[in-house]
Structures are given as structure tokens and as C-alpha cells.
């Protein structure tokens, strides 16, 4: 912690130093380091090298690489899911997995990473409050995809978006705003995107839900509905209330922690339901998709383990050392308790694992012909 404190070059509030001034300070000073910006439960980190953006990260699910790839229709949800399974198994970055299996090219990956980085910065220009800290420190040089984004252009676009936001928010004050279709709107010549937005608005979708359905950022959806208002195709029906910053992110993080603990405790049905709630809030949430797959696999194994007789007494059939299979420490503990005297119920009560997982371990021993019943 001491070393990190020494590396702090500047910190403060966005109320006292706006984002454009902060970025200019980094760019003009050709700073190298890490900028952390927080608003409520939202955290964004920008990495700079000699005043240019090197890479970025965010805990906002809608700013994940997978979300951008699907929302821009570069890959399908099925391709994303397959890549997530591979990523989870082999512990590789998602982008690397997609490039290696030929789903996308490295040039496309670089383009999407740069686009999502720019959008993450533009989103912060709409933040009227928050805190920041810049750590002046060297950066890792071994990234497969490293950016070199010039900052001054981002600042100009960000300032333009502030002006746009001010104008838009005067008539569309929150994500909860709903709309009604005006007479004659259906007869207007609208492009495909505006036509879809009109249809969703007519079905009672709020601005936030419309953005979600169309895979648009909050800014893009607001700009689209502002155009429809200007065209007199729609009118504001209800302004709603502005949700607290990061409310959805906070709820998603809480659900993920709960689902993770339920899974660890062996409550797989509850865990599946919890992660299904996450997907309702964020349909492309990678963590939830992986866990639901794990729960499904667990359910399949549980069904297979139902054939194990609870009153049966298992015995070790051969020498485990002659088997090439690698066992986890807890599996070895269970195997050590199999002595031809304890029945399955006794093993379940003495096992270091939940009952369902212990049954699956016993089924695995049976399938490997290491254990049998006398």
C-alpha cells in the first residue's frame, strides 16, 4: 500500500477538476500510469503511456468486450458462449480465444477494443460527480493488443457530447422516460433503426429498456429518441425518476456474489435461479453464462450419481497409484475413508464436500473402476 501511495501523482473530485482538464493534464504532461475513476459502484480504469491511452477496463457489464462484439454484430451470442466456455477452461483472454479459433481477426479485435475504450471515456464525460486518482507507474509491455489512442480528439468529442447531453436531458431527463407515438408517425419515412426505436417506444419501453433491446449505449439511445421527438413522431409520456449511479451494476454484483456462494454451498438450483436474474439485467453477462453452464453440468452429473445405493458399502478395487488420473485433495480424503466398513450414508456425513458433490466423486471412482460395492 505504501508504494502505491507514493505513486499517486494527482487525486480529487470531478466536481473540482472536470474530466477534460484531467485528460489534458495527462496528455500534455506525456504521463505514463493508471487513472482510476469511480462513481458509486462504477469503476473505470484507463492506462496511459506517454500521454496516450494504452488500454482500459471497466466493471460495467455493458462495457465488456463480449457485449460490444455481440451488439455490433461481429459475433453471435452462440459464438460468444462457446468462446466463454473455452476461456473458462483454458484461462485465456476472451479476445485471444476468438482470434485463435478464427471467429474474428486481430485487426477487428483491435478496432472493437479501441471503440469500447472510446465509449467508456465518452460515458465518463456525462458524470457530474465522482472521484479519481492517477498513479504514475510503468505499464506492462506484454499485452497482445495494446492501443495508442490520441487524447485531444477524445476530449473534443467528449465536450460535444456534454453539450448534446445538456440539450437532450432538458426533454428526456432520465432512463425511465417513456414515450407515446403521435398521429401520423407510422406514415413517416424513417430509417431501419429509427423505425425499430419507434416500435419499441410504442410498446411502452422506457429509454433504458429501449437502449438494452437495441444494444445501444445510453447516449446513442437518447440521441435517437431526441431525433424522433424533433421529427414529431413521438412525445414524452412520463419522465420517471433517474436511478442512482451504478444501481444496476451494484445489483448485478450482489447477485453474482450470492449465486457464487450458493454454488459453493451445493445449492445448485438456487444458484441457477440467481444467475438467471443476472441475465435478466444483463443478457450478455459472461460470468453468469459460465455459471449457468456449470450448474447444468452439475445437474447432469447429479442425475448420474442417483444410482449409487445409500446403504451400500464401497471398497477400493485396486491400487490407485497405478491409475494415471489426477485427484483433488478432497477426493483423496474421500478415497481414504473407503475401507469396506463405511456405507455411503456414513461417507456422506464425514465428507469434506457437500452431499451432492460427494456422490459425484463416488460416481467418478466407480466409472474409473477404482471403487466397487461388496
Protein backbone atom coordinates (compact mmCIF):
# COMPACT_ATOMS: atom_id res chain seq x y z
CA UNK A 1 0.00 0.00 0.00
CA UNK A 2 2.89 2.35 0.81
CA UNK A 3 4.41 2.01 -2.66
CA UNK A 4 1.01 2.68 -4.27
CA UNK A 5 0.55 5.84 -2.21
CA UNK A 6 3.98 7.11 -3.30
CA UNK A 7 2.97 6.61 -6.95
CA UNK A 8 -0.11 8.87 -6.66
CA UNK A 9 0.51 11.91 -8.86
CA UNK A 10 -2.92 13.55 -8.51
CA UNK A 11 -6.31 12.74 -6.98
CA UNK A 12 -9.55 14.57 -6.37
CA UNK A 13 -13.20 15.01 -7.30
CA UNK A 14 -14.72 15.53 -10.75
CA UNK A 15 -16.57 18.48 -9.20
CA UNK A 16 -13.27 20.27 -8.60
CA UNK A 17 -11.45 19.08 -11.74
CA UNK A 18 -13.51 18.07 -14.76
CA UNK A 19 -12.59 15.08 -16.89
CA UNK A 20 -11.41 17.15 -19.86
CA UNK A 21 -8.92 19.08 -17.68
CA UNK A 22 -7.73 15.84 -16.12
CA UNK A 23 -7.15 14.19 -19.50
CA UNK A 24 -5.37 17.28 -20.81
CA UNK A 25 -3.04 17.22 -17.79
CA UNK A 26 -2.15 13.58 -18.56
CA UNK A 27 -1.77 14.17 -22.32
CA UNK A 28 0.24 17.40 -22.19
CA UNK A 29 2.48 16.02 -19.45
CA UNK A 30 3.00 12.81 -21.50
CA UNK A 31 2.23 10.85 -18.35
CA UNK A 32 2.55 7.09 -18.04
CA UNK A 33 0.38 5.36 -15.48
CA UNK A 34 -3.10 4.33 -14.39
CA UNK A 35 -6.17 6.56 -13.98
CA UNK A 36 -8.93 5.17 -11.75
CA UNK A 37 -12.31 6.95 -11.90
CA UNK A 38 -15.19 5.93 -9.62
CA UNK A 39 -18.84 6.96 -9.38
CA UNK A 40 -20.84 4.96 -6.88
CA UNK A 41 -20.20 1.30 -7.64
CA UNK A 42 -18.95 2.05 -11.18
CA UNK A 43 -15.19 1.77 -11.60
CA UNK A 44 -13.26 2.55 -14.76
CA UNK A 45 -9.51 2.34 -15.25
CA UNK A 46 -7.59 3.95 -18.11
CA UNK A 47 -3.94 3.05 -18.71
CA UNK A 48 -1.72 5.69 -20.34
CA UNK A 49 1.67 5.52 -21.99
CA UNK A 50 3.39 8.84 -22.68
CA UNK A 51 0.05 10.66 -22.62
CA UNK A 52 -1.80 8.29 -24.96
CA UNK A 53 -4.38 5.67 -23.93
CA UNK A 54 -2.74 2.23 -23.87
CA UNK A 55 -5.72 0.11 -22.76
CA UNK A 56 -8.72 0.29 -20.41
CA UNK A 57 -11.03 -1.73 -18.17
CA UNK A 58 -14.46 -1.25 -16.58
CA UNK A 59 -16.72 -3.13 -14.16
CA UNK A 60 -19.79 -2.03 -16.15
CA UNK A 61 -21.15 -5.23 -17.81
CA UNK A 62 -22.31 -3.21 -20.81
CA UNK A 63 -18.70 -2.19 -21.46
CA UNK A 64 -17.33 -5.74 -21.65
CA UNK A 65 -15.62 -6.94 -24.83
CA UNK A 66 -18.24 -9.66 -25.34
CA UNK A 67 -21.08 -7.16 -25.14
CA UNK A 68 -19.55 -4.89 -27.79
CA UNK A 69 -18.76 -7.79 -30.14
CA UNK A 70 -22.36 -9.05 -30.00
CA UNK A 71 -24.06 -5.63 -30.01
CA UNK A 72 -22.08 -4.62 -33.12
CA UNK A 73 -22.99 -7.99 -34.70
CA UNK A 74 -19.40 -9.11 -35.18
CA UNK A 75 -20.23 -12.42 -33.47
CA UNK A 76 -23.42 -14.19 -32.38
CA UNK A 77 -24.42 -14.93 -28.80
CA UNK A 78 -23.76 -18.63 -29.53
CA UNK A 79 -20.20 -17.85 -30.68
CA UNK A 80 -19.66 -15.73 -27.57
CA UNK A 81 -20.92 -18.52 -25.33
CA UNK A 82 -18.63 -21.10 -26.94
CA UNK A 83 -15.68 -18.72 -26.55
CA UNK A 84 -16.56 -18.10 -22.89
CA UNK A 85 -16.58 -21.84 -22.21
CA UNK A 86 -13.15 -22.16 -23.85
CA UNK A 87 -11.88 -19.11 -21.96
CA UNK A 88 -13.07 -20.53 -18.64
CA UNK A 89 -11.42 -23.87 -19.35
CA UNK A 90 -8.06 -22.63 -20.66
CA UNK A 91 -7.75 -19.33 -18.71
CA UNK A 92 -7.07 -17.19 -21.79
CA UNK A 93 -8.29 -13.65 -22.60
CA UNK A 94 -11.58 -13.69 -24.50
CA UNK A 95 -10.15 -11.76 -27.44
CA UNK A 96 -7.27 -14.21 -27.80
CA UNK A 97 -9.70 -17.16 -27.82
CA UNK A 98 -11.81 -15.59 -30.60
CA UNK A 99 -8.77 -14.77 -32.74
CA UNK A 100 -7.18 -18.19 -32.30
CA UNK A 101 -10.32 -20.08 -33.32
CA UNK A 102 -10.79 -17.83 -36.37
CA UNK A 103 -14.06 -16.23 -35.23
CA UNK A 104 -12.61 -12.72 -35.62
CA UNK A 105 -9.36 -11.24 -36.93
CA UNK A 106 -6.78 -9.48 -34.80
CA UNK A 107 -7.47 -6.24 -36.70
CA UNK A 108 -11.18 -6.46 -35.86
CA UNK A 109 -10.35 -7.18 -32.21
CA UNK A 110 -8.14 -4.09 -32.06
CA UNK A 111 -10.91 -2.00 -33.66
CA UNK A 112 -13.54 -3.16 -31.15
CA UNK A 113 -11.23 -2.70 -28.15
CA UNK A 114 -10.48 0.85 -29.30
CA UNK A 115 -14.19 1.54 -29.86
CA UNK A 116 -15.18 0.28 -26.40
CA UNK A 117 -12.35 2.30 -24.84
CA UNK A 118 -13.59 5.48 -26.53
CA UNK A 119 -17.18 4.80 -25.45
CA UNK A 120 -16.04 4.23 -21.85
CA UNK A 121 -14.33 7.64 -21.90
CA UNK A 122 -17.31 9.37 -23.54
CA UNK A 123 -19.61 7.91 -20.89
CA UNK A 124 -17.49 9.49 -18.15
CA UNK A 125 -17.98 12.93 -19.71
CA UNK A 126 -21.63 12.69 -18.61
CA UNK A 127 -20.59 12.15 -14.97
CA UNK A 128 -21.27 15.26 -12.93
CA UNK A 129 -19.73 13.70 -9.82
CA UNK A 130 -17.18 11.08 -8.93
CA UNK A 131 -13.63 10.78 -7.69
CA UNK A 132 -10.36 9.99 -9.42
CA UNK A 133 -6.77 9.08 -8.70
CA UNK A 134 -3.84 8.86 -11.11
CA UNK A 135 -0.97 6.50 -10.27
CA UNK A 136 2.24 7.38 -12.11
CA UNK A 137 3.83 3.99 -12.73
CA UNK A 138 5.27 1.84 -15.56
CA UNK A 139 2.88 -0.36 -17.51
CA UNK A 140 3.11 -3.96 -18.64
CA UNK A 141 4.60 -4.27 -22.11
CA UNK A 142 3.40 -7.81 -22.88
CA UNK A 143 -0.17 -7.08 -23.99
CA UNK A 144 -1.11 -8.81 -27.25
CA UNK A 145 -3.42 -5.90 -28.18
CA UNK A 146 -2.16 -2.51 -26.97
CA UNK A 147 -3.70 0.76 -28.13
CA UNK A 148 -2.19 4.17 -28.73
CA UNK A 149 -5.23 6.46 -28.70
CA UNK A 150 -4.61 10.19 -29.00
CA UNK A 151 -6.42 12.05 -26.21
CA UNK A 152 -7.16 15.51 -27.67
CA UNK A 153 -9.68 14.10 -30.19
CA UNK A 154 -11.47 12.27 -27.37
CA UNK A 155 -11.68 15.48 -25.38
CA UNK A 156 -13.27 17.40 -28.27
CA UNK A 157 -15.83 14.63 -28.88
CA UNK A 158 -16.47 14.36 -25.14
CA UNK A 159 -17.15 18.08 -24.84
CA UNK A 160 -19.54 17.86 -27.80
CA UNK A 161 -21.37 15.06 -26.04
CA UNK A 162 -21.70 17.18 -22.90
CA UNK A 163 -23.44 19.87 -24.99
CA UNK A 164 -25.65 17.21 -26.59
CA UNK A 165 -26.49 15.70 -23.20
CA UNK A 166 -27.49 19.10 -21.83
CA UNK A 167 -29.87 19.62 -24.76
CA UNK A 168 -31.25 16.06 -24.63
CA UNK A 169 -31.74 15.96 -20.86
CA UNK A 170 -33.94 19.05 -20.99
CA UNK A 171 -36.61 16.92 -22.72
CA UNK A 172 -35.55 13.34 -21.81
CA UNK A 173 -34.50 13.70 -18.17
CA UNK A 174 -33.91 10.04 -17.26
CA UNK A 175 -33.57 6.47 -18.47
CA UNK A 176 -37.04 5.84 -17.04
CA UNK A 177 -38.61 8.23 -19.55
CA UNK A 178 -41.38 6.66 -21.65
CA UNK A 179 -42.92 7.89 -24.90
CA UNK A 180 -46.18 7.85 -26.83
CA UNK A 181 -46.48 7.70 -30.62
CA UNK A 182 -48.05 10.76 -32.25
CA UNK A 183 -50.67 10.55 -35.04
CA UNK A 184 -49.12 10.06 -38.47
CA UNK A 185 -45.81 8.76 -37.11
CA UNK A 186 -46.24 5.39 -38.83
CA UNK A 187 -46.51 7.14 -42.21
CA UNK A 188 -43.16 8.89 -41.88
CA UNK A 189 -40.14 7.70 -43.85
CA UNK A 190 -37.74 6.54 -41.14
CA UNK A 191 -34.56 4.50 -41.44
CA UNK A 192 -34.49 0.96 -40.02
CA UNK A 193 -33.01 1.97 -36.65
CA UNK A 194 -35.46 4.82 -36.10
CA UNK A 195 -38.35 2.57 -37.14
CA UNK A 196 -37.34 -0.04 -34.55
CA UNK A 197 -37.00 2.62 -31.87
CA UNK A 198 -40.46 3.95 -32.73
CA UNK A 199 -41.97 0.46 -32.45
CA UNK A 200 -40.32 -0.23 -29.09
CA UNK A 201 -41.38 3.16 -27.75
CA UNK A 202 -44.93 2.42 -28.88
CA UNK A 203 -44.83 -0.83 -26.86
CA UNK A 204 -44.16 1.15 -23.69
CA UNK A 205 -40.38 0.64 -23.49
CA UNK A 206 -38.56 3.18 -21.35
CA UNK A 207 -35.42 4.79 -22.73
CA UNK A 208 -33.24 2.42 -20.69
CA UNK A 209 -35.09 -0.68 -21.85
CA UNK A 210 -35.07 0.54 -25.43
CA UNK A 211 -31.29 1.00 -25.25
CA UNK A 212 -30.97 -2.53 -23.88
CA UNK A 213 -33.19 -4.09 -26.58
CA UNK A 214 -31.34 -2.28 -29.38
CA UNK A 215 -27.88 -2.87 -27.89
CA UNK A 216 -27.21 0.88 -27.79
CA UNK A 217 -25.37 2.98 -25.25
CA UNK A 218 -27.41 5.37 -23.12
CA UNK A 219 -26.12 8.28 -25.20
CA UNK A 220 -26.93 6.62 -28.55
CA UNK A 221 -30.48 5.73 -27.46
CA UNK A 222 -31.08 9.24 -26.09
CA UNK A 223 -29.82 10.80 -29.32
CA UNK A 224 -32.11 8.53 -31.36
CA UNK A 225 -35.22 9.35 -29.32
CA UNK A 226 -34.32 13.06 -29.40
CA UNK A 227 -34.41 12.88 -33.21
CA UNK A 228 -37.84 11.21 -33.11
CA UNK A 229 -39.06 13.97 -30.79
CA UNK A 230 -37.70 16.57 -33.21
CA UNK A 231 -39.49 14.78 -36.08
CA UNK A 232 -42.70 14.94 -34.03
CA UNK A 233 -43.04 11.16 -34.32
CA UNK A 234 -43.19 10.73 -30.54
CA UNK A 235 -43.83 12.78 -27.42
CA UNK A 236 -42.68 12.24 -23.85
CA UNK A 237 -45.30 10.29 -21.91
CA UNK A 238 -43.66 10.03 -18.47
CA UNK A 239 -40.28 11.30 -17.28
CA UNK A 240 -39.84 8.78 -14.47
CA UNK A 241 -37.04 9.07 -11.93
CA UNK A 242 -33.32 8.96 -12.59
CA UNK A 243 -31.83 5.82 -10.98
CA UNK A 244 -28.88 6.21 -8.65
CA UNK A 245 -25.46 5.96 -10.34
CA UNK A 246 -24.36 2.37 -10.76
CA UNK A 247 -27.59 0.93 -9.33
CA UNK A 248 -27.80 -1.85 -11.94
CA UNK A 249 -24.09 -2.65 -11.60
CA UNK A 250 -24.43 -2.81 -7.82
CA UNK A 251 -27.40 -5.18 -8.05
CA UNK A 252 -25.61 -7.42 -10.58
CA UNK A 253 -22.51 -7.64 -8.36
CA UNK A 254 -24.66 -8.55 -5.34
CA UNK A 255 -26.47 -11.28 -7.29
CA UNK A 256 -23.18 -12.70 -8.62
CA UNK A 257 -21.72 -12.93 -5.10
CA UNK A 258 -24.91 -14.64 -3.90
CA UNK A 259 -25.02 -17.11 -6.80
CA UNK A 260 -21.34 -17.92 -6.38
CA UNK A 261 -21.83 -18.72 -2.68
CA UNK A 262 -24.94 -20.80 -3.42
CA UNK A 263 -22.93 -22.82 -5.93
CA UNK A 264 -20.08 -23.36 -3.46
CA UNK A 265 -22.60 -24.46 -0.81
CA UNK A 266 -24.03 -27.06 -3.19
CA UNK A 267 -27.37 -25.26 -3.70
CA UNK A 268 -27.25 -25.59 -7.48
CA UNK A 269 -30.93 -24.91 -8.23
CA UNK A 270 -30.83 -21.67 -6.23
CA UNK A 271 -27.56 -20.70 -7.91
CA UNK A 272 -29.08 -21.21 -11.37
CA UNK A 273 -32.07 -19.02 -10.48
CA UNK A 274 -29.81 -16.28 -9.11
CA UNK A 275 -27.66 -16.19 -12.25
CA UNK A 276 -30.82 -16.18 -14.37
CA UNK A 277 -31.73 -12.94 -12.54
CA UNK A 278 -28.32 -11.54 -13.52
CA UNK A 279 -29.03 -12.34 -17.18
CA UNK A 280 -32.36 -10.51 -16.99
CA UNK A 281 -30.44 -7.38 -16.01
CA UNK A 282 -27.51 -8.02 -18.33
CA UNK A 283 -28.22 -10.68 -21.02
CA UNK A 284 -24.57 -10.80 -22.11
CA UNK A 285 -23.05 -11.15 -18.64
CA UNK A 286 -20.15 -13.55 -19.18
CA UNK A 287 -19.82 -14.63 -15.55
CA UNK A 288 -23.49 -15.61 -15.30
CA UNK A 289 -23.40 -17.57 -18.57
CA UNK A 290 -20.41 -19.60 -17.39
CA UNK A 291 -22.00 -20.36 -14.04
CA UNK A 292 -25.29 -21.47 -15.58
CA UNK A 293 -23.29 -23.87 -17.76
CA UNK A 294 -21.50 -25.19 -14.64
CA UNK A 295 -24.85 -25.65 -12.88
CA UNK A 296 -26.24 -27.58 -15.88
CA UNK A 297 -23.18 -29.82 -15.96
CA UNK A 298 -23.55 -30.37 -12.22
CA UNK A 299 -27.23 -31.32 -12.64
CA UNK A 300 -26.29 -33.90 -15.29
CA UNK A 301 -23.68 -35.43 -13.00
CA UNK A 302 -26.10 -35.43 -10.08
CA UNK A 303 -28.63 -37.37 -12.10
CA UNK A 304 -25.97 -39.95 -12.94
CA UNK A 305 -25.00 -40.28 -9.27
CA UNK A 306 -28.58 -41.16 -8.19
CA UNK A 307 -27.83 -44.82 -8.96
CA UNK A 308 -25.41 -45.07 -6.01
CA UNK A 309 -27.02 -47.12 -3.19
CA UNK A 310 -27.01 -45.08 0.04
CA UNK A 311 -26.82 -48.22 2.18
CA UNK A 312 -24.13 -49.87 0.05
CA UNK A 313 -20.58 -50.34 1.36
CA UNK A 314 -17.92 -49.31 -1.19
CA UNK A 315 -14.47 -50.90 -1.35
CA UNK A 316 -11.26 -49.93 -3.15
CA UNK A 317 -10.83 -52.39 -6.02
CA UNK A 318 -7.18 -51.79 -6.93
CA UNK A 319 -4.08 -49.72 -6.45
CA UNK A 320 -4.82 -46.05 -7.03
CA UNK A 321 -1.16 -45.34 -7.73
CA UNK A 322 -1.39 -47.41 -10.94
CA UNK A 323 -4.12 -45.08 -12.24
CA UNK A 324 -2.93 -42.02 -14.21
CA UNK A 325 -5.92 -39.89 -13.14
CA UNK A 326 -5.09 -36.79 -11.09
CA UNK A 327 -7.24 -36.40 -7.98
CA UNK A 328 -8.05 -33.28 -6.00
CA UNK A 329 -7.03 -33.27 -2.29
CA UNK A 330 -10.67 -33.56 -1.16
CA UNK A 331 -11.21 -36.54 -3.48
CA UNK A 332 -8.18 -38.22 -1.93
CA UNK A 333 -9.68 -37.60 1.53
CA UNK A 334 -12.90 -39.34 0.48
CA UNK A 335 -10.99 -42.23 -1.08
CA UNK A 336 -9.03 -42.65 2.15
CA UNK A 337 -12.28 -43.19 4.07
CA UNK A 338 -13.39 -46.05 1.82
CA UNK A 339 -12.31 -49.11 3.85
CA UNK A 340 -15.03 -51.70 3.28
CA UNK A 341 -16.72 -50.76 6.59
CA UNK A 342 -18.34 -47.35 5.99
CA UNK A 343 -21.54 -47.29 3.95
CA UNK A 344 -22.39 -44.43 1.57
CA UNK A 345 -24.50 -42.57 4.18
CA UNK A 346 -21.57 -42.61 6.61
CA UNK A 347 -19.20 -41.33 3.93
CA UNK A 348 -21.62 -38.53 3.10
CA UNK A 349 -21.72 -37.43 6.75
CA UNK A 350 -17.91 -37.46 7.05
CA UNK A 351 -17.07 -35.96 3.66
CA UNK A 352 -15.38 -32.52 3.40
CA UNK A 353 -17.63 -31.81 0.41
CA UNK A 354 -21.41 -31.17 0.17
CA UNK A 355 -23.52 -34.29 -0.23
CA UNK A 356 -24.22 -33.80 -3.95
CA UNK A 357 -20.53 -33.34 -4.79
CA UNK A 358 -19.53 -36.36 -2.67
CA UNK A 359 -21.97 -38.52 -4.62
CA UNK A 360 -20.44 -37.28 -7.86
CA UNK A 361 -16.95 -38.11 -6.59
CA UNK A 362 -18.10 -41.65 -5.72
CA UNK A 363 -19.67 -41.97 -9.20
CA UNK A 364 -16.37 -40.89 -10.73
CA UNK A 365 -14.50 -43.55 -8.70
CA UNK A 366 -16.98 -46.16 -9.95
CA UNK A 367 -16.59 -45.05 -13.59
CA UNK A 368 -12.78 -45.28 -13.26
CA UNK A 369 -13.14 -48.78 -11.79
CA UNK A 370 -11.22 -47.70 -8.69
CA UNK A 371 -14.14 -48.40 -6.36
CA UNK A 372 -16.84 -51.06 -6.33
CA UNK A 373 -19.55 -52.33 -3.94
CA UNK A 374 -19.20 -55.50 -1.94
